[in-house]
Amino acid sequence: MAEEIQKKLQKELEIYNGLQKEYVKAAALKQQLDSQLSENKAVKEELILLKNDSEVYKLIGPVLVKQDLEEAKQNLCFFYFLLTFQRAV
């Protein structure tokens, strides 16, 4: 009987450890998403301050590429939506 209890306890401990690992991964992902959302929000606020004829550049790898302001705003809104959706799931 003691051996049976020990096996059951070992199995429960394995389940607990697995859940704990999943929690750590989820917490890290949430922190990453929160950070990206915060950065995205700051960029959005900066884009709002720009005039329509302002030049905007997007960093692609090591290169800055000129981007249309409206396109940048649309991309940012879409990315913000995706981040918000991922965070909610």
C-alpha atoms as a PDB file:
ATOM      1  CA  MET A   1       0.000   0.000   0.000  1.00  0.00           C
ATOM      2  CA  ALA A   2       2.823   2.424   0.827  1.00  0.00           C
ATOM      3  CA  GLU A   3       4.394   1.673  -2.540  1.00  0.00           C
ATOM      4  CA  GLU A   4       1.106   2.424  -4.282  1.00  0.00           C
ATOM      5  CA  ILE A   5       0.803   5.748  -2.465  1.00  0.00           C
ATOM      6  CA  GLN A   6       4.393   6.594  -3.353  1.00  0.00           C
ATOM      7  CA  LYS A   7       3.752   5.868  -7.055  1.00  0.00           C
ATOM      8  CA  LYS A   8       0.624   7.999  -7.011  1.00  0.00           C
ATOM      9  CA  LEU A   9       2.468  10.800  -5.253  1.00  0.00           C
ATOM     10  CA  GLN A  10       5.313  10.585  -7.781  1.00  0.00           C
ATOM     11  CA  LYS A  11       2.840  10.813 -10.653  1.00  0.00           C
ATOM     12  CA  GLU A  12       1.129  13.829  -9.089  1.00  0.00           C
ATOM     13  CA  LEU A  13       4.513  15.464  -8.563  1.00  0.00           C
ATOM     14  CA  GLU A  14       5.380  14.964 -12.241  1.00  0.00           C
ATOM     15  CA  ILE A  15       2.072  16.547 -13.246  1.00  0.00           C
ATOM     16  CA  TYR A  16       2.729  19.460 -10.901  1.00  0.00           C
ATOM     17  CA  ASN A  17       6.234  19.988 -12.289  1.00  0.00           C
ATOM     18  CA  GLY A  18       4.872  19.948 -15.838  1.00  0.00           C
ATOM     19  CA  LEU A  19       2.240  22.522 -14.940  1.00  0.00           C
ATOM     20  CA  GLN A  20       4.841  24.658 -13.234  1.00  0.00           C
ATOM     21  CA  LYS A  21       7.003  24.642 -16.393  1.00  0.00           C
ATOM     22  CA  GLU A  22       3.987  25.630 -18.495  1.00  0.00           C
ATOM     23  CA  TYR A  23       3.230  28.459 -16.080  1.00  0.00           C
ATOM     24  CA  VAL A  24       6.789  29.791 -16.301  1.00  0.00           C
ATOM     25  CA  LYS A  25       6.609  29.731 -20.108  1.00  0.00           C
ATOM     26  CA  ALA A  26       3.232  31.475 -20.096  1.00  0.00           C
ATOM     27  CA  ALA A  27       4.448  34.124 -17.659  1.00  0.00           C
ATOM     28  CA  ALA A  28       7.514  34.812 -19.815  1.00  0.00           C
ATOM     29  CA  LEU A  29       5.346  35.083 -22.927  1.00  0.00           C
ATOM     30  CA  LYS A  30       2.958  37.443 -21.148  1.00  0.00           C
ATOM     31  CA  GLN A  31       5.856  39.616 -20.048  1.00  0.00           C
ATOM     32  CA  GLN A  32       7.192  39.707 -23.616  1.00  0.00           C
ATOM     33  CA  LEU A  33       3.765  40.624 -24.998  1.00  0.00           C
ATOM     34  CA  ASP A  34       3.311  43.329 -22.361  1.00  0.00           C
ATOM     35  CA  SER A  35       6.684  44.776 -23.285  1.00  0.00           C
ATOM     36  CA  GLN A  36       5.834  44.754 -26.987  1.00  0.00           C
ATOM     37  CA  LEU A  37       2.449  46.339 -26.293  1.00  0.00           C
ATOM     38  CA  SER A  38       4.070  49.080 -24.258  1.00  0.00           C
ATOM     39  CA  GLU A  39       6.616  49.784 -26.981  1.00  0.00           C
ATOM     40  CA  ASN A  40       3.902  49.706 -29.626  1.00  0.00           C
ATOM     41  CA  LYS A  41       1.785  52.154 -27.647  1.00  0.00           C
ATOM     42  CA  ALA A  42       4.712  54.568 -27.333  1.00  0.00           C
ATOM     43  CA  VAL A  43       5.367  54.417 -31.076  1.00  0.00           C
ATOM     44  CA  LYS A  44       1.669  54.943 -31.782  1.00  0.00           C
ATOM     45  CA  GLU A  45       1.661  58.070 -29.620  1.00  0.00           C
ATOM     46  CA  GLU A  46       4.724  59.385 -31.448  1.00  0.00           C
ATOM     47  CA  LEU A  47       3.173  58.728 -34.858  1.00  0.00           C
ATOM     48  CA  ILE A  48       0.082  60.688 -33.852  1.00  0.00           C
ATOM     49  CA  LEU A  49       2.266  63.723 -33.153  1.00  0.00           C
ATOM     50  CA  LEU A  50       3.805  63.689 -36.633  1.00  0.00           C
ATOM     51  CA  LYS A  51       2.616  65.930 -39.428  1.00  0.00           C
ATOM     52  CA  ASN A  52       1.308  64.312 -42.602  1.00  0.00           C
ATOM     53  CA  ASP A  53       4.416  65.275 -44.573  1.00  0.00           C
ATOM     54  CA  SER A  54       6.824  63.793 -42.008  1.00  0.00           C
ATOM     55  CA  GLU A  55       9.214  61.087 -43.091  1.00  0.00           C
ATOM     56  CA  VAL A  56       9.014  57.762 -41.300  1.00  0.00           C
ATOM     57  CA  TYR A  57      11.541  54.954 -41.458  1.00  0.00           C
ATOM     58  CA  LYS A  58      11.150  51.313 -40.577  1.00  0.00           C
ATOM     59  CA  LEU A  59      14.045  49.223 -39.322  1.00  0.00           C
ATOM     60  CA  ILE A  60      14.345  46.036 -41.361  1.00  0.00           C
ATOM     61  CA  GLY A  61      17.352  44.105 -40.165  1.00  0.00           C
ATOM     62  CA  PRO A  62      20.267  46.536 -40.161  1.00  0.00           C
ATOM     63  CA  VAL A  63      18.636  48.869 -42.720  1.00  0.00           C
ATOM     64  CA  LEU A  64      16.273  51.820 -42.301  1.00  0.00           C
ATOM     65  CA  VAL A  65      13.661  51.825 -45.066  1.00  0.00           C
ATOM     66  CA  LYS A  66      11.458  54.824 -45.794  1.00  0.00           C
ATOM     67  CA  GLN A  67       7.792  54.108 -45.158  1.00  0.00           C
ATOM     68  CA  ASP A  68       4.611  56.030 -45.835  1.00  0.00           C
ATOM     69  CA  LEU A  69       3.207  57.557 -42.633  1.00  0.00           C
ATOM     70  CA  GLU A  70      -0.299  56.191 -43.185  1.00  0.00           C
ATOM     71  CA  GLU A  71       1.085  52.756 -43.957  1.00  0.00           C
ATOM     72  CA  ALA A  72       3.148  52.896 -40.773  1.00  0.00           C
ATOM     73  CA  LYS A  73       0.059  53.827 -38.749  1.00  0.00           C
ATOM     74  CA  GLN A  74      -1.975  51.009 -40.305  1.00  0.00           C
ATOM     75  CA  ASN A  75       0.779  48.467 -39.723  1.00  0.00           C
ATOM     76  CA  LEU A  76       1.149  49.617 -36.149  1.00  0.00           C
ATOM     77  CA  CYS A  77      -2.592  49.367 -35.486  1.00  0.00           C
ATOM     78  CA  PHE A  78      -2.695  45.882 -36.980  1.00  0.00           C
ATOM     79  CA  PHE A  79       0.316  44.759 -34.952  1.00  0.00           C
ATOM     80  CA  TYR A  80      -1.220  46.270 -31.803  1.00  0.00           C
ATOM     81  CA  PHE A  81      -4.427  44.344 -32.496  1.00  0.00           C
ATOM     82  CA  LEU A  82      -2.488  41.094 -32.902  1.00  0.00           C
ATOM     83  CA  LEU A  83      -0.553  41.636 -29.690  1.00  0.00           C
ATOM     84  CA  THR A  84      -3.718  42.461 -27.784  1.00  0.00           C
ATOM     85  CA  PHE A  85      -5.414  39.363 -29.164  1.00  0.00           C
ATOM     86  CA  GLN A  86      -2.448  37.122 -28.303  1.00  0.00           C
ATOM     87  CA  ARG A  87      -2.312  38.530 -24.805  1.00  0.00           C
ATOM     88  CA  ALA A  88      -6.013  37.837 -24.277  1.00  0.00           C
ATOM     89  CA  VAL A  89      -5.720  34.200 -25.337  1.00  0.00           C
END
